[in-house]
Protein backbone atom coordinates (compact mmCIF):
# COMPACT_ATOMS: atom_id res chain seq x y z
CA MET A 1 140.69 -152.76 46.35
CA SER A 2 139.07 -155.99 47.54
CA THR A 3 138.01 -156.64 51.13
CA THR A 4 140.82 -159.21 51.54
CA GLN A 5 143.45 -156.74 50.37
CA ALA A 6 142.07 -154.01 52.61
CA THR A 7 142.13 -156.31 55.60
CA ALA A 8 145.70 -157.36 54.87
CA TRP A 9 147.16 -153.82 54.85
CA GLN A 10 145.08 -152.83 57.84
CA GLU A 11 146.37 -155.80 59.84
CA THR A 12 149.94 -155.02 58.82
CA LEU A 13 149.50 -151.41 59.91
CA ALA A 14 147.59 -152.21 63.10
CA ALA A 15 150.58 -153.30 65.19
CA ARG A 16 152.62 -150.26 64.19
CA TRP A 17 149.71 -147.94 64.89
CA GLU A 18 149.02 -149.35 68.35
CA GLN A 19 152.68 -148.95 69.30
CA ALA A 20 152.77 -145.35 68.06
CA ARG A 21 149.44 -144.65 69.70
CA ALA A 22 150.60 -145.91 73.10
CA ALA A 23 153.77 -143.80 72.92
CA CYS A 24 151.77 -140.69 72.01
CA ILE A 25 149.43 -141.23 74.96
CA GLN A 26 152.46 -141.61 77.22
CA ARG A 27 153.69 -138.21 76.02
CA GLY A 28 150.34 -136.65 76.86
CA TRP A 29 149.35 -136.05 73.26
CA ASP A 30 145.85 -137.32 73.86
CA LYS A 31 144.98 -134.00 75.50
CA PRO A 32 144.21 -130.51 74.07
CA GLY A 33 147.36 -128.69 73.00
CA SER A 34 148.98 -131.65 71.26
CA PRO A 35 151.09 -130.73 68.19
CA THR A 36 149.67 -130.70 64.69
CA ILE A 37 150.61 -133.47 62.30
CA SER A 38 151.63 -130.87 59.70
CA ALA A 39 154.12 -129.31 62.12
CA ILE A 40 155.67 -132.68 62.94
CA ALA A 41 155.91 -133.55 59.25
CA ALA A 42 157.55 -130.20 58.45
CA LYS A 43 160.26 -130.79 61.01
CA HIS A 44 161.18 -134.17 59.56
CA GLY A 45 160.96 -133.06 55.94
CA MET A 46 157.91 -135.22 55.28
CA LYS A 47 154.76 -134.33 53.41
CA TRP A 48 151.31 -133.95 54.85
CA TYR A 49 148.01 -133.03 53.30
CA ALA A 50 147.24 -129.32 53.07
CA THR A 51 143.54 -130.06 53.47
CA ARG A 52 144.25 -131.55 56.91
CA ALA A 53 146.83 -128.99 58.05
CA GLU A 54 145.02 -128.24 61.32
CA ASP A 55 144.73 -131.89 62.43
CA ARG A 56 146.36 -132.63 65.80
CA VAL A 57 147.74 -135.87 67.18
CA GLN A 58 144.87 -136.02 69.66
CA ASP A 59 142.40 -136.11 66.75
CA PHE A 60 143.72 -139.54 65.72
CA ILE A 61 144.97 -141.42 68.76
CA GLN A 62 141.47 -141.64 70.21
CA PHE A 63 140.92 -144.38 67.61
CA ASP A 64 142.30 -147.90 67.64
CA ALA A 65 143.66 -149.36 64.40
CA HIS A 66 140.21 -150.36 63.17
CA GLY A 67 138.75 -146.93 63.93
CA LEU A 68 141.66 -145.15 62.27
CA CYS A 69 141.18 -147.01 59.01
CA ASN A 70 137.41 -147.06 58.93
CA LYS A 71 136.01 -144.11 60.86
CA GLN A 72 138.13 -141.21 59.65
CA LEU A 73 136.30 -139.60 56.73
CA GLY A 74 138.45 -139.53 53.59
CA PHE A 75 141.28 -141.42 55.30
CA GLY A 76 142.48 -144.30 53.15
CA ARG A 77 145.55 -146.48 53.00
CA ILE A 78 148.04 -143.81 51.84
CA LYS A 79 147.09 -141.29 54.51
CA CYS A 80 147.03 -143.94 57.25
CA GLU A 81 150.49 -145.22 56.30
CA ARG A 82 151.91 -141.71 56.07
CA LEU A 83 150.46 -140.78 59.46
CA VAL A 84 152.09 -143.82 61.10
CA GLU A 85 155.44 -143.06 59.42
CA ILE A 86 155.36 -139.45 60.67
CA LEU A 87 154.69 -140.50 64.27
CA GLU A 88 157.29 -143.26 64.13
CA HIS A 89 159.96 -140.71 63.11
CA VAL A 90 159.10 -138.60 66.15
CA LEU A 91 158.88 -141.48 68.59
CA ALA A 92 162.24 -142.76 67.44
CA GLU A 93 163.74 -139.72 69.15
CA SER A 94 164.62 -139.81 72.81
CA GLY A 95 161.52 -139.49 74.93
CA ASP A 96 162.73 -136.79 77.33
CA GLY A 97 159.33 -135.19 77.73
CA LYS A 98 160.09 -132.11 75.65
CA GLU A 99 157.86 -130.94 72.86
CA ILE A 100 158.81 -131.94 69.36
CA GLY A 101 162.18 -130.66 68.22
CA SER A 102 162.18 -127.62 70.48
CA GLU A 103 164.86 -126.80 73.00
CA GLU A 104 163.26 -123.45 73.83
CA THR A 105 159.58 -124.33 74.19
CA THR A 106 158.03 -126.92 76.51
CA HIS A 107 154.49 -128.19 76.87
CA HIS A 108 154.14 -125.92 79.90
CA GLU A 109 154.94 -122.94 77.65
CA ALA A 110 152.44 -124.17 75.06
CA LEU A 111 149.72 -123.97 77.67
CA THR A 112 150.99 -120.52 78.64
CA HIS A 113 150.44 -119.37 75.05
CA GLU A 114 146.87 -120.57 75.21
CA ARG A 115 146.28 -118.97 78.58
CA PHE A 116 147.80 -115.67 77.49
CA MET A 117 145.63 -115.41 74.37
CA GLU A 118 142.54 -116.37 76.33
CA ALA A 119 143.31 -113.99 79.21
CA TRP A 120 143.86 -111.03 76.88
CA GLY A 121 140.84 -111.80 74.74
CA ILE A 122 142.86 -112.42 71.58
CA PRO A 123 140.57 -114.25 69.11
CA PRO A 124 141.93 -117.61 67.93
CA ASP A 125 141.30 -116.56 64.33
CA TYR A 126 143.25 -113.29 64.57
CA PRO A 127 144.85 -113.13 61.09
CA LEU A 128 148.59 -113.02 60.58
CA SER A 129 148.02 -110.40 57.89
CA LEU A 130 147.34 -107.91 60.71
CA VAL A 131 150.48 -108.85 62.66
CA PRO A 132 153.49 -106.66 61.71
CA ILE A 133 155.77 -109.49 60.63
CA THR A 134 158.34 -109.22 57.86
CA LYS A 135 157.36 -109.87 54.26
CA ARG A 136 159.54 -112.97 54.15
CA LEU A 137 157.82 -114.54 57.15
CA LEU A 138 154.41 -113.62 55.76
CA ASN A 139 155.30 -115.27 52.43
CA PHE A 140 156.43 -118.39 54.27
CA CYS A 141 153.18 -118.54 56.22
CA ASP A 142 151.14 -118.05 53.04
CA ALA A 143 153.01 -120.91 51.36
CA GLN A 144 152.39 -123.16 54.37
CA GLN A 145 148.73 -122.09 54.63
CA ILE A 146 149.33 -120.59 58.07
CA GLY A 147 146.66 -117.92 58.27
CA THR A 148 146.26 -117.16 61.97
CA LEU A 149 148.51 -116.16 64.85
CA LYS A 150 147.35 -119.16 66.84
CA THR A 151 148.42 -121.59 64.11
CA LEU A 152 151.87 -120.01 63.88
CA LEU A 153 152.37 -120.31 67.64
CA GLN A 154 151.20 -123.92 67.58
CA ILE A 155 153.73 -124.77 64.89
CA TRP A 156 156.46 -123.08 66.90
CA GLU A 157 155.45 -125.10 69.94
CA ALA A 158 155.60 -128.25 67.88
CA VAL A 159 158.86 -127.84 65.96
CA GLY A 160 160.77 -124.93 67.52
CA ARG A 161 163.52 -122.97 65.83
CA GLU A 162 165.40 -125.95 64.42
CA GLY A 163 162.21 -127.35 62.97
CA LEU A 164 161.51 -124.09 61.17
CA LEU A 165 165.07 -123.88 59.89
CA ALA A 166 164.64 -127.32 58.34
CA HIS A 167 162.34 -125.71 55.83
CA PRO A 168 164.24 -124.58 52.70
CA ASN A 169 162.50 -121.17 52.59
CA MET A 170 163.14 -120.31 56.24
CA GLY A 171 166.17 -118.22 57.18
CA ARG A 172 167.69 -117.68 60.61
CA ARG A 173 166.42 -114.11 60.94
CA THR A 174 162.91 -115.19 60.08
CA ALA A 175 163.05 -118.07 62.57
CA ASP A 176 164.34 -115.66 65.23
CA GLU A 177 161.42 -113.36 64.46
CA VAL A 178 158.96 -116.16 65.24
CA LYS A 179 160.96 -117.02 68.36
CA ALA A 180 160.79 -113.43 69.65
CA LEU A 181 157.04 -113.29 69.14
CA ALA A 182 156.45 -116.70 70.70
CA ASN A 183 158.66 -115.98 73.69
CA ALA A 184 156.94 -112.66 74.38
CA VAL A 185 153.57 -114.39 74.35
CA ALA A 186 154.83 -117.37 76.37
CA LEU A 187 156.15 -115.08 79.08
CA GLY A 188 152.91 -113.11 79.18
CA ASP A 189 154.90 -109.90 78.58
CA ALA A 190 152.16 -107.50 77.46
CA ASN A 191 154.58 -104.65 76.76
CA ALA A 192 156.68 -106.84 74.48
CA VAL A 193 153.62 -108.33 72.78
CA ARG A 194 152.32 -104.85 71.91
CA LYS A 195 154.97 -104.74 69.21
CA TRP A 196 152.91 -107.33 67.35
CA LEU A 197 149.40 -107.17 68.81
CA PRO A 198 147.13 -104.17 69.48
CA LEU A 199 146.41 -104.99 73.11
CA ASN A 200 143.92 -102.74 74.85
CA ASP A 201 145.59 -100.62 77.53
CA ALA A 202 142.58 -100.40 79.81
CA GLU A 203 141.02 -103.85 79.54
CA ASN A 204 141.36 -107.24 77.92
CA GLY A 205 140.93 -107.57 74.20
CA LEU A 206 142.27 -105.77 71.18
CA SER A 207 142.07 -102.06 70.45
CA LEU A 208 141.51 -100.33 67.13
CA ARG A 209 143.48 -97.35 68.39
CA ALA A 210 146.48 -99.58 69.15
CA ALA A 211 146.11 -101.42 65.83
CA VAL A 212 146.41 -98.28 63.72
CA GLY A 213 149.22 -97.12 66.00
CA ILE A 214 151.19 -100.26 65.08
CA ILE A 215 150.69 -99.50 61.39
CA VAL A 216 152.10 -95.99 61.77
CA ALA A 217 154.97 -97.18 63.99
CA ARG A 218 156.15 -99.51 61.19
CA LEU A 219 156.60 -96.65 58.73
CA THR A 220 160.11 -95.43 58.03
CA ALA A 221 160.83 -91.70 58.33
CA ASP A 222 160.77 -91.30 54.54
CA GLU A 223 157.53 -93.24 54.18
CA ARG A 224 155.89 -91.14 56.88
CA THR A 225 157.01 -87.91 55.19
CA LEU A 226 155.89 -88.93 51.71
CA ILE A 227 152.53 -90.33 52.81
CA THR A 228 151.88 -87.20 54.88
CA ARG A 229 152.57 -85.08 51.81
CA ARG A 230 150.00 -87.06 49.86
CA LEU A 231 147.20 -87.58 52.38
CA VAL A 232 147.54 -84.63 54.74
CA GLU A 233 148.99 -81.87 52.58
CA GLY A 234 147.30 -82.97 49.35
CA MET A 235 150.43 -82.82 47.19
CA THR A 236 150.60 -84.52 43.81
CA LEU A 237 152.71 -87.64 43.32
CA GLU A 238 155.42 -85.59 41.61
CA GLU A 239 155.46 -82.96 44.36
CA SER A 240 155.58 -85.64 47.07
CA ALA A 241 158.52 -87.47 45.46
CA SER A 242 160.50 -84.26 44.93
CA GLY A 243 163.82 -84.28 46.75
CA HIS A 244 163.70 -87.97 47.69
CA GLY A 245 165.00 -89.53 44.50
CA LEU A 246 161.88 -91.63 44.09
CA THR A 247 159.49 -92.09 41.20
CA ARG A 248 155.84 -91.10 41.42
CA GLU A 249 154.95 -94.81 41.12
CA ARG A 250 156.96 -95.64 44.24
CA VAL A 251 155.16 -92.91 46.18
CA ARG A 252 151.84 -94.28 44.93
CA GLN A 253 152.82 -97.75 46.16
CA MET A 254 153.71 -96.42 49.64
CA GLU A 255 150.43 -94.59 49.90
CA GLY A 256 148.45 -97.59 48.63
CA SER A 257 150.14 -99.98 51.08
CA PHE A 258 149.38 -97.68 54.02
CA VAL A 259 145.73 -97.30 53.05
CA ARG A 260 145.36 -101.08 52.48
CA ASP A 261 146.77 -101.82 55.93
CA LEU A 262 144.30 -99.38 57.50
CA ARG A 263 141.44 -100.91 55.49
CA ALA A 264 142.33 -104.41 56.69
CA VAL A 265 142.42 -103.28 60.34
CA LEU A 266 139.09 -101.46 60.00
CA HIS A 267 137.55 -104.57 58.46
CA TRP A 268 138.67 -106.66 61.44
CA PHE A 269 137.27 -104.14 63.94
CA GLY A 270 133.98 -104.19 62.08
CA ARG A 271 131.77 -102.76 64.82
CA ASP A 272 133.96 -99.71 65.40
CA HIS A 273 134.36 -99.34 61.65
CA ALA A 274 130.61 -99.20 61.09
CA VAL A 275 130.07 -96.57 63.79
CA MET A 276 133.00 -94.45 62.57
CA LEU A 277 131.83 -94.60 58.95
CA GLU A 278 128.31 -93.58 59.92
CA ARG A 279 129.54 -90.65 61.99
CA TRP A 280 131.99 -89.60 59.25
CA THR A 281 129.20 -89.70 56.67
CA GLU A 282 127.05 -87.49 58.88
CA ARG A 283 130.05 -85.17 59.52
CA CYS A 284 129.97 -85.92 63.24
CA GLU A 285 132.98 -86.45 65.53
CA TRP A 286 134.58 -89.87 64.96
CA GLN A 287 138.30 -89.22 65.45
CA SER A 288 138.22 -90.25 69.13
CA PHE A 289 138.08 -93.90 68.03
CA VAL A 290 141.68 -93.70 66.80
CA ALA A 291 143.14 -90.67 68.63
CA PRO A 292 145.34 -89.81 70.33
CA GLN A 293 148.33 -91.56 68.84
CA ILE A 294 151.94 -91.19 69.99
CA THR A 295 152.27 -87.72 68.44
CA PRO A 296 149.81 -85.19 66.98
CA ASP A 297 151.41 -85.71 63.56
CA ASP A 298 150.75 -89.45 63.76
CA THR A 299 147.15 -88.79 64.73
CA THR A 300 146.70 -86.45 61.77
CA LEU A 301 148.21 -89.03 59.41
CA VAL A 302 145.98 -91.84 60.71
CA ILE A 303 142.84 -89.70 60.41
CA ALA A 304 143.76 -88.70 56.85
CA GLY A 305 144.43 -92.34 55.95
CA ILE A 306 141.11 -93.55 57.36
CA GLU A 307 139.29 -90.76 55.51
CA ALA A 308 140.93 -92.08 52.32
CA VAL A 309 139.51 -95.53 53.14
CA PHE A 310 136.06 -94.08 53.82
CA ALA A 311 136.14 -92.05 50.59
CA GLU A 312 136.24 -95.28 48.56
CA THR A 313 133.05 -96.67 50.12
CA PRO A 314 129.55 -96.13 48.65
CA GLN A 315 128.84 -93.83 51.61
CA GLY A 316 131.99 -91.91 50.75
CA VAL A 317 130.93 -91.45 47.12
CA ALA A 318 127.48 -90.27 48.24
CA ARG A 319 129.02 -87.85 50.73
CA ARG A 320 131.36 -86.44 48.10
CA LEU A 321 128.48 -85.83 45.67
CA ALA A 322 126.44 -84.19 48.43
CA ALA A 323 129.43 -82.06 49.43
CA GLU A 324 129.97 -80.94 45.85
CA SER A 325 126.28 -80.05 45.62
CA ASP A 326 126.48 -78.01 48.84
CA ILE A 327 129.57 -76.14 47.66
CA GLN A 328 127.95 -75.33 44.31
CA THR A 329 124.81 -74.08 46.07
CA TRP A 330 126.91 -71.74 48.23
CA ILE A 331 128.91 -70.54 45.22
CA ASP A 332 125.70 -69.80 43.33
CA ARG A 333 124.39 -67.86 46.31
CA LEU A 334 127.62 -65.87 46.51
CA ILE A 335 127.45 -65.02 42.80
CA GLY A 336 123.85 -63.91 43.32
CA GLU A 337 124.80 -61.42 46.04
CA PRO A 338 124.30 -57.85 44.71
CA ASP A 339 127.30 -56.61 46.72
CA LEU A 340 129.57 -58.90 44.71
CA HIS A 341 129.39 -56.44 41.79
CA LEU A 342 129.33 -53.31 43.93
CA GLY A 343 132.68 -53.44 45.64
CA GLY A 344 132.72 -57.08 46.75
CA VAL A 345 131.23 -59.42 49.38
CA GLU A 346 132.96 -59.77 52.74
CA LEU A 347 134.01 -63.42 52.67
CA GLN A 348 134.02 -64.18 56.40
CA ALA A 349 130.59 -62.59 56.92
CA PHE A 350 129.15 -64.55 54.01
CA MET A 351 130.52 -67.86 55.31
CA SER A 352 129.26 -67.17 58.84
CA ALA A 353 125.78 -66.58 57.43
CA HIS A 354 125.54 -69.32 54.81
CA VAL A 355 128.35 -71.92 55.00
CA ALA A 356 128.67 -74.72 57.58
CA GLU A 357 131.55 -73.94 59.92
CA THR A 358 133.26 -77.26 59.25
CA ARG A 359 133.26 -76.48 55.51
CA HIS A 360 134.88 -73.04 55.56
CA VAL A 361 138.31 -74.21 54.37
CA GLU A 362 136.72 -76.29 51.61
CA PHE A 363 134.54 -73.36 50.53
CA VAL A 364 137.48 -70.92 50.37
CA ALA A 365 139.34 -73.42 48.20
CA ALA A 366 136.31 -73.68 45.90
CA VAL A 367 136.06 -69.89 45.61
CA SER A 368 139.78 -69.64 44.85
CA SER A 369 139.48 -72.20 42.06
CA ASN A 370 136.41 -70.54 40.50
CA SER A 371 137.52 -68.66 37.41
CA THR A 372 134.74 -66.06 37.69
CA LEU A 373 135.71 -65.00 41.22
CA VAL A 374 138.78 -63.54 42.90
CA ILE A 375 139.58 -63.04 46.58
CA ASP A 376 141.06 -59.71 47.64
CA HIS A 377 142.97 -60.94 50.68
CA THR A 378 143.97 -57.43 51.77
CA LYS A 379 140.32 -56.43 52.24
CA GLY A 380 138.89 -59.91 52.85
CA VAL A 381 136.33 -59.57 50.08
CA VAL A 382 135.32 -61.59 47.02
CA LYS A 383 134.92 -59.80 43.70
CA PRO A 384 134.21 -60.78 40.10
CA SER A 385 137.42 -61.67 38.28
CA ALA A 386 136.19 -59.55 35.32
CA PRO A 387 133.76 -56.69 36.17
CA CYS A 388 130.64 -56.66 33.96
CA VAL A 389 128.42 -53.67 33.20
CA ARG A 390 125.35 -55.85 32.86
CA ASP A 391 125.83 -57.63 36.21
CA THR A 392 126.65 -54.35 37.98
CA MET A 393 123.51 -52.74 36.57
CA CYS A 394 121.35 -55.72 37.62
CA ALA A 395 122.85 -55.61 41.12
CA LEU A 396 121.98 -51.90 41.43
CA LEU A 397 118.43 -52.47 40.25
CA GLN A 398 118.05 -55.38 42.66
CA ARG A 399 118.83 -53.13 45.62
CA GLU A 400 116.10 -50.60 44.72
CA ASP A 401 112.39 -51.12 45.16
CA ASP A 402 111.38 -48.44 42.64
CA PRO A 403 112.45 -48.02 38.99
CA MET A 404 115.65 -46.00 38.52
CA PRO A 405 116.19 -43.13 36.08
CA LEU A 406 118.60 -44.07 33.27
CA THR A 407 121.04 -41.21 33.90
CA TRP A 408 121.20 -42.05 37.60
CA LEU A 409 121.72 -45.75 36.86
CA ALA A 410 124.49 -45.03 34.32
CA ARG A 411 126.30 -42.72 36.74
CA MET A 412 126.28 -45.41 39.49
CA VAL A 413 127.44 -48.13 37.07
CA THR A 414 130.43 -46.16 35.78
CA ALA A 415 131.42 -45.31 39.36
CA VAL A 416 132.23 -48.98 39.99
CA PRO A 417 135.87 -49.74 38.96
CA GLY A 418 136.06 -51.71 35.73
CA ASN A 419 132.71 -50.51 34.38
CA GLU A 420 133.76 -47.16 32.94
CA GLU A 421 132.24 -48.03 29.54
CA GLY A 422 128.76 -48.46 30.98
CA ASP A 423 127.39 -45.02 30.19
CA ALA A 424 123.80 -44.31 29.20
CA ASP A 425 124.41 -44.87 25.47
CA TYR A 426 126.01 -48.28 26.12
CA ILE A 427 123.08 -49.38 28.30
CA LEU A 428 120.58 -48.21 25.67
CA ARG A 429 122.33 -50.21 22.95
CA LYS A 430 122.40 -53.41 25.04
CA ARG A 431 119.00 -53.22 26.77
CA HIS A 432 116.99 -55.33 24.30
CA ARG A 433 119.63 -58.04 24.11
CA TRP A 434 119.80 -58.23 27.92
CA LYS A 435 116.00 -58.41 28.01
CA SER A 436 115.96 -61.31 25.50
CA LEU A 437 118.55 -63.17 27.58
CA GLY A 438 116.41 -62.75 30.70
CA PHE A 439 118.73 -60.43 32.61
CA LEU A 440 116.78 -57.17 32.45
CA ASP A 441 113.20 -56.19 33.15
CA LEU A 442 112.77 -53.01 31.08
CA ARG A 443 110.17 -51.74 33.54
CA ARG A 444 112.89 -51.40 36.19
CA VAL A 445 114.48 -48.41 34.36
CA LEU A 446 112.97 -44.98 33.59
CA TRP A 447 114.46 -44.73 30.10
CA ASP A 448 113.48 -41.11 29.42
CA GLN A 449 114.90 -39.70 32.65
């Protein structure tokens, strides 16, 4: 485009711009809190540029016609003309002092929104993905590149309910949902706002405890039951779905959605997340960051869900490997106890002496799943699942400091239930094989006695 042509369209546009600019200043749109151009365009069914979605009227009307056309980076003829057309559509309406297209929200209320968010310490970049809005509203916001709560409130202030309904993908229920949220914030009603925002009960700002509480409160009764079965009770997908007429895939989706929501909240509350993860890794108390919830069951569900999030982290993998190593060490020590083959080891006494108190339940589960061991719950002892003459003999020898006569050793072995075949002849036949396998020191037995 030549200089002459550029000057011609700029001069043509200049008079229209100055008229629109003066009317905007008269409305007070030269001050902070003026509506965004994208919101105005949406109301009137006009297009605006997604890359400039956050631009406000005040960002432009500080410039005269020459400044608009020459000082705005990346702002050429098409954008300048479209901007003027958008403002002219608005200014053609009756200038009654109300905000654009909104019968419910005034400029006074717009300032109230700002003051409420500032007073409660709500960050301007608080993401809509953490606000419990319906899927349809979230999809609308994604399509319109509305990523934060502040931006959604600003658009409501600019266009109101009718402006939102002008959008083809906006239904009345969805518009009413935005209205309810905006009105609660505008009125400064903290109790009402807590439905959407995790306000701290004791002080300004947002609370991790309240944020996870909102996630649980959104669950239906069936979702809560099924997710509890999976995360708290450790049921399989099939067992969890039983009796609810659902597929295992649907249960998996419910569980995954719940864990993802918790992960997103933990990511936002990064400082608390880091401390909790460190304490969880070190097996220290961390539950106080999110407890208590409304009910003990809710608290248990939240803790189980957060542990599922932690388990997927590198620290979680390292902790799991360390835990498995600890359990195996304790199992090996139990198997090495001489009493195991001589009537059994008292389980509770063994755990008190060797197993960390916080790991007792996990250790009992590991013993129960070990094919070589069996728990006699009536006596509270652990025994070998299949008694073995060799192991019983080695256990007897381990308890004595001096070598044992063969006949004495055989009599003690056969006295242990399950080892009736372990007489002197049997031991004599097996002694060299047991020696070659490293189980028997021949010097420990007086073979001729």
